[in-house]
């Protein structure tokens, strides 16, 4: 294992549609492969969208066209693993752009570390979260509170987690989440009286990432949109030169 990077960059995008952030991820992933940026965690709250992973099935989107139109839900096929999931307001979505050469070259290790972030976070809030054998994600009882789905190329990660904080769970009525028929979903505000807001929980999530992945410091930038020419002083306009 190469020496662990000391600094974690955090890019807070606020509320954004899905597709531009996906393209932004690809740019940062290419820059991380080229070692032009350090490990970076993107935080975002998406407009309503159902994303279907490479292993997913269109049949697991059970919403009618009317349901999709009335609720303003986009359906997007993506290049992560896993099946169908929902992203939308009240849900904290995170995309770690990590080079596992500097951590451990193991997909299962990375997934367990992501789960550990939220098991510890929820534990500190008094919620007994756990792993479920045979599935990814973080569970409280038989309900999933954090969904995971990643893509790893040349040991650099993208996509990541979806943490239901104050999510309107009725949006899940339009899908079979992760293709799992016999289990449910939940959110922090259903489990915890006076649950923290999405904004309030962000620093705690970042602190868990810092500790569990062994970073010494965190640098954060807030962006109003992803159409930027540089990030932390690193130019993005020539990123195509390092993208395949």
C-alpha atoms as a PDB file:
ATOM      1  CA  UNK A   1       0.000   0.000   0.000  1.00  0.00           C
ATOM      2  CA  UNK A   2       1.302   3.440  -0.966  1.00  0.00           C
ATOM      3  CA  UNK A   3       1.474   6.139   1.679  1.00  0.00           C
ATOM      4  CA  UNK A   4      -1.972   7.286   2.800  1.00  0.00           C
ATOM      5  CA  UNK A   5      -2.936  10.812   1.634  1.00  0.00           C
ATOM      6  CA  UNK A   6      -3.353  13.226   4.541  1.00  0.00           C
ATOM      7  CA  UNK A   7      -6.070  15.543   3.236  1.00  0.00           C
ATOM      8  CA  UNK A   8      -9.640  14.835   2.219  1.00  0.00           C
ATOM      9  CA  UNK A   9     -11.250  17.345  -0.106  1.00  0.00           C
ATOM     10  CA  UNK A  10     -15.001  17.793   0.375  1.00  0.00           C
ATOM     11  CA  UNK A  11     -17.046  19.419  -2.377  1.00  0.00           C
ATOM     12  CA  UNK A  12     -20.520  20.454  -1.181  1.00  0.00           C
ATOM     13  CA  UNK A  13     -22.808  21.026  -4.172  1.00  0.00           C
ATOM     14  CA  UNK A  14     -26.045  21.745  -2.326  1.00  0.00           C
ATOM     15  CA  UNK A  15     -29.084  20.822  -4.458  1.00  0.00           C
ATOM     16  CA  UNK A  16     -28.377  19.724  -8.019  1.00  0.00           C
ATOM     17  CA  UNK A  17     -29.931  17.665 -10.832  1.00  0.00           C
ATOM     18  CA  UNK A  18     -28.425  14.221 -11.295  1.00  0.00           C
ATOM     19  CA  UNK A  19     -26.835  14.190 -14.747  1.00  0.00           C
ATOM     20  CA  UNK A  20     -24.485  17.212 -14.433  1.00  0.00           C
ATOM     21  CA  UNK A  21     -23.152  15.852 -11.151  1.00  0.00           C
ATOM     22  CA  UNK A  22     -22.552  12.458 -12.773  1.00  0.00           C
ATOM     23  CA  UNK A  23     -20.435  14.194 -15.445  1.00  0.00           C
ATOM     24  CA  UNK A  24     -18.634  16.141 -12.710  1.00  0.00           C
ATOM     25  CA  UNK A  25     -17.838  12.849 -10.969  1.00  0.00           C
ATOM     26  CA  UNK A  26     -16.303  11.500 -14.171  1.00  0.00           C
ATOM     27  CA  UNK A  27     -13.991  14.502 -14.423  1.00  0.00           C
ATOM     28  CA  UNK A  28     -12.815  14.194 -10.842  1.00  0.00           C
ATOM     29  CA  UNK A  29     -12.410  10.433 -11.240  1.00  0.00           C
ATOM     30  CA  UNK A  30     -10.110  10.976 -14.231  1.00  0.00           C
ATOM     31  CA  UNK A  31      -8.089  13.591 -12.338  1.00  0.00           C
ATOM     32  CA  UNK A  32      -7.779  11.244  -9.357  1.00  0.00           C
ATOM     33  CA  UNK A  33      -6.556   8.440 -11.631  1.00  0.00           C
ATOM     34  CA  UNK A  34      -3.883  10.853 -12.881  1.00  0.00           C
ATOM     35  CA  UNK A  35      -3.009  11.831  -9.277  1.00  0.00           C
ATOM     36  CA  UNK A  36      -3.785  15.467 -10.036  1.00  0.00           C
ATOM     37  CA  UNK A  37      -6.198  15.780  -7.112  1.00  0.00           C
ATOM     38  CA  UNK A  38      -6.321  14.067  -3.705  1.00  0.00           C
ATOM     39  CA  UNK A  39      -9.183  11.901  -2.467  1.00  0.00           C
ATOM     40  CA  UNK A  40     -12.394  13.881  -2.779  1.00  0.00           C
ATOM     41  CA  UNK A  41     -15.876  13.446  -1.320  1.00  0.00           C
ATOM     42  CA  UNK A  42     -18.760  15.075  -3.210  1.00  0.00           C
ATOM     43  CA  UNK A  43     -21.867  15.831  -1.148  1.00  0.00           C
ATOM     44  CA  UNK A  44     -25.135  16.640  -2.912  1.00  0.00           C
ATOM     45  CA  UNK A  45     -28.910  16.642  -2.563  1.00  0.00           C
ATOM     46  CA  UNK A  46     -30.466  15.632  -5.869  1.00  0.00           C
ATOM     47  CA  UNK A  47     -33.661  16.553  -7.621  1.00  0.00           C
ATOM     48  CA  UNK A  48     -35.962  13.494  -7.780  1.00  0.00           C
ATOM     49  CA  UNK A  49     -34.453  10.693  -9.866  1.00  0.00           C
ATOM     50  CA  UNK A  50     -34.516   6.915 -10.134  1.00  0.00           C
ATOM     51  CA  UNK A  51     -31.123   5.521 -11.127  1.00  0.00           C
ATOM     52  CA  UNK A  52     -30.729   2.005 -12.477  1.00  0.00           C
ATOM     53  CA  UNK A  53     -27.327   0.361 -12.064  1.00  0.00           C
ATOM     54  CA  UNK A  54     -25.597  -2.022 -14.452  1.00  0.00           C
ATOM     55  CA  UNK A  55     -27.076  -5.027 -12.668  1.00  0.00           C
ATOM     56  CA  UNK A  56     -30.541  -3.512 -12.443  1.00  0.00           C
ATOM     57  CA  UNK A  57     -33.792  -4.167 -14.227  1.00  0.00           C
ATOM     58  CA  UNK A  58     -36.239  -1.717 -15.757  1.00  0.00           C
ATOM     59  CA  UNK A  59     -38.940  -3.987 -14.341  1.00  0.00           C
ATOM     60  CA  UNK A  60     -38.009  -2.770 -10.867  1.00  0.00           C
ATOM     61  CA  UNK A  61     -39.319   0.688 -11.785  1.00  0.00           C
ATOM     62  CA  UNK A  62     -43.027   0.098 -11.204  1.00  0.00           C
ATOM     63  CA  UNK A  63     -44.093   3.741 -11.388  1.00  0.00           C
ATOM     64  CA  UNK A  64     -46.551   4.720 -14.087  1.00  0.00           C
ATOM     65  CA  UNK A  65     -45.728   7.503 -16.526  1.00  0.00           C
ATOM     66  CA  UNK A  66     -48.296   9.619 -14.686  1.00  0.00           C
ATOM     67  CA  UNK A  67     -46.561   9.003 -11.337  1.00  0.00           C
ATOM     68  CA  UNK A  68     -43.199   9.993 -12.829  1.00  0.00           C
ATOM     69  CA  UNK A  69     -44.582  13.124 -14.476  1.00  0.00           C
ATOM     70  CA  UNK A  70     -46.597  14.332 -11.495  1.00  0.00           C
ATOM     71  CA  UNK A  71     -43.629  13.961  -9.169  1.00  0.00           C
ATOM     72  CA  UNK A  72     -41.018  15.245 -11.606  1.00  0.00           C
ATOM     73  CA  UNK A  73     -38.928  12.067 -11.444  1.00  0.00           C
ATOM     74  CA  UNK A  74     -36.242  11.386 -14.029  1.00  0.00           C
ATOM     75  CA  UNK A  75     -35.138   7.816 -14.796  1.00  0.00           C
ATOM     76  CA  UNK A  76     -31.425   7.393 -15.582  1.00  0.00           C
ATOM     77  CA  UNK A  77     -29.367   4.292 -16.417  1.00  0.00           C
ATOM     78  CA  UNK A  78     -25.946   4.653 -14.798  1.00  0.00           C
ATOM     79  CA  UNK A  79     -22.594   2.888 -14.732  1.00  0.00           C
ATOM     80  CA  UNK A  80     -22.507   1.906 -11.057  1.00  0.00           C
ATOM     81  CA  UNK A  81     -23.155  -1.525  -9.651  1.00  0.00           C
ATOM     82  CA  UNK A  82     -26.422  -2.483  -8.066  1.00  0.00           C
ATOM     83  CA  UNK A  83     -30.047  -2.165  -9.066  1.00  0.00           C
ATOM     84  CA  UNK A  84     -32.536   0.709  -8.903  1.00  0.00           C
ATOM     85  CA  UNK A  85     -32.597   3.359  -6.190  1.00  0.00           C
ATOM     86  CA  UNK A  86     -34.099   6.772  -5.537  1.00  0.00           C
ATOM     87  CA  UNK A  87     -32.375  10.110  -4.952  1.00  0.00           C
ATOM     88  CA  UNK A  88     -34.231  13.231  -3.957  1.00  0.00           C
ATOM     89  CA  UNK A  89     -34.741  16.081  -1.493  1.00  0.00           C
ATOM     90  CA  UNK A  90     -34.007  15.302   2.128  1.00  0.00           C
ATOM     91  CA  UNK A  91     -31.504  12.603   1.193  1.00  0.00           C
ATOM     92  CA  UNK A  92     -27.753  13.140   1.571  1.00  0.00           C
ATOM     93  CA  UNK A  93     -25.911  11.632  -1.376  1.00  0.00           C
ATOM     94  CA  UNK A  94     -22.142  11.242  -1.339  1.00  0.00           C
ATOM     95  CA  UNK A  95     -19.674  10.317  -4.059  1.00  0.00           C
ATOM     96  CA  UNK A  96     -16.203   9.375  -2.766  1.00  0.00           C
ATOM     97  CA  UNK A  97     -13.576   9.793  -5.486  1.00  0.00           C
ATOM     98  CA  UNK A  98     -10.912   7.755  -3.695  1.00  0.00           C
ATOM     99  CA  UNK A  99      -7.776   6.123  -5.059  1.00  0.00           C
ATOM    100  CA  UNK A 100      -7.695   2.734  -3.362  1.00  0.00           C
ATOM    101  CA  UNK A 101      -4.006   2.328  -4.211  1.00  0.00           C
ATOM    102  CA  UNK A 102      -3.522   4.589  -1.186  1.00  0.00           C
ATOM    103  CA  UNK A 103      -5.889   2.611   1.032  1.00  0.00           C
ATOM    104  CA  UNK A 104      -6.523  -1.051   0.195  1.00  0.00           C
ATOM    105  CA  UNK A 105      -7.080  -2.552  -3.246  1.00  0.00           C
ATOM    106  CA  UNK A 106     -10.249  -4.353  -2.243  1.00  0.00           C
ATOM    107  CA  UNK A 107     -13.813  -3.664  -3.339  1.00  0.00           C
ATOM    108  CA  UNK A 108     -15.294  -5.498  -0.343  1.00  0.00           C
ATOM    109  CA  UNK A 109     -13.063  -3.550   2.073  1.00  0.00           C
ATOM    110  CA  UNK A 110     -14.195  -0.255   0.554  1.00  0.00           C
ATOM    111  CA  UNK A 111     -17.865  -1.207   0.783  1.00  0.00           C
ATOM    112  CA  UNK A 112     -17.513  -2.295   4.410  1.00  0.00           C
ATOM    113  CA  UNK A 113     -15.768   0.999   5.213  1.00  0.00           C
ATOM    114  CA  UNK A 114     -18.652   2.950   3.683  1.00  0.00           C
ATOM    115  CA  UNK A 115     -21.083   0.947   5.776  1.00  0.00           C
ATOM    116  CA  UNK A 116     -18.979   1.550   8.873  1.00  0.00           C
ATOM    117  CA  UNK A 117     -19.235   5.329   8.379  1.00  0.00           C
ATOM    118  CA  UNK A 118     -22.978   5.171   8.927  1.00  0.00           C
ATOM    119  CA  UNK A 119     -23.076   2.364  11.467  1.00  0.00           C
ATOM    120  CA  UNK A 120     -20.872   4.483  13.728  1.00  0.00           C
ATOM    121  CA  UNK A 121     -22.690   7.710  12.929  1.00  0.00           C
ATOM    122  CA  UNK A 122     -26.105   6.234  13.668  1.00  0.00           C
ATOM    123  CA  UNK A 123     -24.750   4.458  16.735  1.00  0.00           C
ATOM    124  CA  UNK A 124     -23.634   7.801  18.141  1.00  0.00           C
ATOM    125  CA  UNK A 125     -27.222   8.996  17.648  1.00  0.00           C
ATOM    126  CA  UNK A 126     -28.517   6.000  19.590  1.00  0.00           C
ATOM    127  CA  UNK A 127     -29.768   4.071  16.552  1.00  0.00           C
ATOM    128  CA  UNK A 128     -28.702   0.394  16.343  1.00  0.00           C
ATOM    129  CA  UNK A 129     -27.736   0.257  12.673  1.00  0.00           C
ATOM    130  CA  UNK A 130     -26.164  -2.870  11.185  1.00  0.00           C
ATOM    131  CA  UNK A 131     -25.104  -4.762   8.100  1.00  0.00           C
ATOM    132  CA  UNK A 132     -27.423  -7.353   6.581  1.00  0.00           C
ATOM    133  CA  UNK A 133     -25.803 -10.580   5.393  1.00  0.00           C
ATOM    134  CA  UNK A 134     -26.063 -10.984   1.650  1.00  0.00           C
ATOM    135  CA  UNK A 135     -26.813  -7.298   0.985  1.00  0.00           C
ATOM    136  CA  UNK A 136     -24.912  -4.028   0.846  1.00  0.00           C
ATOM    137  CA  UNK A 137     -25.971  -0.918   2.703  1.00  0.00           C
ATOM    138  CA  UNK A 138     -26.886  -0.044   6.268  1.00  0.00           C
ATOM    139  CA  UNK A 139     -30.027  -1.339   7.942  1.00  0.00           C
ATOM    140  CA  UNK A 140     -32.169  -0.607  10.968  1.00  0.00           C
ATOM    141  CA  UNK A 141     -34.239  -3.697  11.598  1.00  0.00           C
ATOM    142  CA  UNK A 142     -35.495  -4.852   8.202  1.00  0.00           C
ATOM    143  CA  UNK A 143     -35.375  -1.369   6.695  1.00  0.00           C
ATOM    144  CA  UNK A 144     -32.514   0.125   4.728  1.00  0.00           C
ATOM    145  CA  UNK A 145     -31.461   3.642   5.684  1.00  0.00           C
ATOM    146  CA  UNK A 146     -28.281   3.915   3.568  1.00  0.00           C
ATOM    147  CA  UNK A 147     -28.013   2.495   0.044  1.00  0.00           C
ATOM    148  CA  UNK A 148     -24.636   1.891  -1.602  1.00  0.00           C
ATOM    149  CA  UNK A 149     -23.595   1.523  -5.215  1.00  0.00           C
ATOM    150  CA  UNK A 150     -20.143   2.196  -6.669  1.00  0.00           C
ATOM    151  CA  UNK A 151     -17.987   1.956  -9.736  1.00  0.00           C
ATOM    152  CA  UNK A 152     -14.250   1.342  -9.439  1.00  0.00           C
ATOM    153  CA  UNK A 153     -11.904   1.853 -12.380  1.00  0.00           C
ATOM    154  CA  UNK A 154      -8.138   1.498 -12.023  1.00  0.00           C
ATOM    155  CA  UNK A 155      -8.856   1.370  -8.293  1.00  0.00           C
ATOM    156  CA  UNK A 156     -10.403   4.842  -8.280  1.00  0.00           C
ATOM    157  CA  UNK A 157     -13.965   4.954  -6.977  1.00  0.00           C
ATOM    158  CA  UNK A 158     -17.053   6.894  -7.979  1.00  0.00           C
ATOM    159  CA  UNK A 159     -20.780   6.877  -7.142  1.00  0.00           C
ATOM    160  CA  UNK A 160     -21.288   6.002  -3.472  1.00  0.00           C
ATOM    161  CA  UNK A 161     -24.019   6.333  -0.837  1.00  0.00           C
ATOM    162  CA  UNK A 162     -27.553   7.641  -0.358  1.00  0.00           C
ATOM    163  CA  UNK A 163     -28.480   8.403   3.264  1.00  0.00           C
ATOM    164  CA  UNK A 164     -32.154   8.994   4.005  1.00  0.00           C
ATOM    165  CA  UNK A 165     -32.292  11.906   6.430  1.00  0.00           C
ATOM    166  CA  UNK A 166     -35.610  13.695   5.889  1.00  0.00           C
ATOM    167  CA  UNK A 167     -36.535  11.854   2.702  1.00  0.00           C
ATOM    168  CA  UNK A 168     -40.147  11.599   1.521  1.00  0.00           C
ATOM    169  CA  UNK A 169     -40.318   7.813   1.426  1.00  0.00           C
ATOM    170  CA  UNK A 170     -43.450   7.804  -0.732  1.00  0.00           C
ATOM    171  CA  UNK A 171     -41.118   8.263  -3.722  1.00  0.00           C
ATOM    172  CA  UNK A 172     -39.976   4.672  -3.118  1.00  0.00           C
ATOM    173  CA  UNK A 173     -43.499   3.519  -4.033  1.00  0.00           C
ATOM    174  CA  UNK A 174     -42.441   3.801  -7.664  1.00  0.00           C
ATOM    175  CA  UNK A 175     -39.605   1.265  -7.455  1.00  0.00           C
ATOM    176  CA  UNK A 176     -38.562  -2.002  -5.887  1.00  0.00           C
ATOM    177  CA  UNK A 177     -35.565  -0.535  -4.044  1.00  0.00           C
ATOM    178  CA  UNK A 178     -32.332  -2.317  -4.960  1.00  0.00           C
ATOM    179  CA  UNK A 179     -34.514  -5.100  -6.390  1.00  0.00           C
ATOM    180  CA  UNK A 180     -35.284  -6.342  -2.858  1.00  0.00           C
ATOM    181  CA  UNK A 181     -38.946  -7.298  -2.583  1.00  0.00           C
ATOM    182  CA  UNK A 182     -39.229  -8.327   1.062  1.00  0.00           C
ATOM    183  CA  UNK A 183     -37.562  -5.452   2.927  1.00  0.00           C
ATOM    184  CA  UNK A 184     -38.344  -1.780   3.391  1.00  0.00           C
ATOM    185  CA  UNK A 185     -36.685   1.615   3.642  1.00  0.00           C
ATOM    186  CA  UNK A 186     -36.563   4.131   6.438  1.00  0.00           C
ATOM    187  CA  UNK A 187     -35.099   7.549   7.226  1.00  0.00           C
ATOM    188  CA  UNK A 188     -33.462   9.304  10.131  1.00  0.00           C
ATOM    189  CA  UNK A 189     -36.430  11.529  10.942  1.00  0.00           C
ATOM    190  CA  UNK A 190     -38.693   8.481  11.307  1.00  0.00           C
ATOM    191  CA  UNK A 191     -36.282   6.841  13.733  1.00  0.00           C
ATOM    192  CA  UNK A 192     -35.216   9.782  15.849  1.00  0.00           C
ATOM    193  CA  UNK A 193     -37.253  12.462  17.539  1.00  0.00           C
ATOM    194  CA  UNK A 194     -35.754  15.873  16.808  1.00  0.00           C
ATOM    195  CA  UNK A 195     -33.504  14.339  14.154  1.00  0.00           C
ATOM    196  CA  UNK A 196     -30.796  16.672  12.815  1.00  0.00           C
ATOM    197  CA  UNK A 197     -31.407  18.338   9.485  1.00  0.00           C
ATOM    198  CA  UNK A 198     -29.539  17.310   6.367  1.00  0.00           C
ATOM    199  CA  UNK A 199     -27.278  20.358   6.655  1.00  0.00           C
ATOM    200  CA  UNK A 200     -26.597  19.671  10.318  1.00  0.00           C
ATOM    201  CA  UNK A 201     -25.630  16.037   9.708  1.00  0.00           C
ATOM    202  CA  UNK A 202     -23.083  16.782   6.955  1.00  0.00           C
ATOM    203  CA  UNK A 203     -20.160  17.639   9.305  1.00  0.00           C
ATOM    204  CA  UNK A 204     -20.756  14.430  11.240  1.00  0.00           C
ATOM    205  CA  UNK A 205     -20.673  12.361   8.045  1.00  0.00           C
ATOM    206  CA  UNK A 206     -17.460  14.073   6.958  1.00  0.00           C
ATOM    207  CA  UNK A 207     -15.897  13.484  10.393  1.00  0.00           C
ATOM    208  CA  UNK A 208     -16.651   9.773  10.141  1.00  0.00           C
ATOM    209  CA  UNK A 209     -15.076   9.617   6.670  1.00  0.00           C
ATOM    210  CA  UNK A 210     -12.006  11.405   8.025  1.00  0.00           C
ATOM    211  CA  UNK A 211     -11.584   8.996  10.911  1.00  0.00           C
ATOM    212  CA  UNK A 212     -12.513   5.709   9.243  1.00  0.00           C
ATOM    213  CA  UNK A 213     -10.410   6.311   6.128  1.00  0.00           C
ATOM    214  CA  UNK A 214      -7.515   7.759   8.135  1.00  0.00           C
ATOM    215  CA  UNK A 215      -7.298  11.348   6.897  1.00  0.00           C
ATOM    216  CA  UNK A 216      -5.595  13.944   9.059  1.00  0.00           C
ATOM    217  CA  UNK A 217      -7.420  17.023   7.798  1.00  0.00           C
ATOM    218  CA  UNK A 218     -10.373  18.099   5.697  1.00  0.00           C
ATOM    219  CA  UNK A 219     -10.702  20.985   3.253  1.00  0.00           C
ATOM    220  CA  UNK A 220     -14.214  21.926   2.147  1.00  0.00           C
ATOM    221  CA  UNK A 221     -15.506  24.034  -0.719  1.00  0.00           C
ATOM    222  CA  UNK A 222     -19.129  24.865  -1.526  1.00  0.00           C
ATOM    223  CA  UNK A 223     -20.139  25.180  -5.171  1.00  0.00           C
ATOM    224  CA  UNK A 224     -23.414  26.528  -6.499  1.00  0.00           C
ATOM    225  CA  UNK A 225     -23.052  24.518  -9.717  1.00  0.00           C
ATOM    226  CA  UNK A 226     -20.651  22.091 -11.373  1.00  0.00           C
ATOM    227  CA  UNK A 227     -19.868  24.297 -14.381  1.00  0.00           C
ATOM    228  CA  UNK A 228     -16.588  25.467 -12.892  1.00  0.00           C
ATOM    229  CA  UNK A 229     -13.176  25.769 -14.530  1.00  0.00           C
ATOM    230  CA  UNK A 230     -11.157  24.811 -11.485  1.00  0.00           C
ATOM    231  CA  UNK A 231     -11.493  23.248  -8.062  1.00  0.00           C
ATOM    232  CA  UNK A 232      -9.122  23.932  -5.174  1.00  0.00           C
ATOM    233  CA  UNK A 233      -6.902  25.614  -7.771  1.00  0.00           C
ATOM    234  CA  UNK A 234      -6.783  22.574 -10.077  1.00  0.00           C
ATOM    235  CA  UNK A 235      -7.986  23.379 -13.638  1.00  0.00           C
ATOM    236  CA  UNK A 236     -10.830  21.240 -14.974  1.00  0.00           C
ATOM    237  CA  UNK A 237     -11.037  22.594 -18.507  1.00  0.00           C
ATOM    238  CA  UNK A 238      -8.383  20.228 -19.865  1.00  0.00           C
ATOM    239  CA  UNK A 239      -9.656  17.163 -18.031  1.00  0.00           C
ATOM    240  CA  UNK A 240     -10.418  15.461 -21.353  1.00  0.00           C
ATOM    241  CA  UNK A 241      -6.692  15.035 -21.791  1.00  0.00           C
ATOM    242  CA  UNK A 242      -6.644  12.504 -18.961  1.00  0.00           C
ATOM    243  CA  UNK A 243     -10.034  10.892 -19.613  1.00  0.00           C
ATOM    244  CA  UNK A 244     -10.261   7.721 -21.634  1.00  0.00           C
END
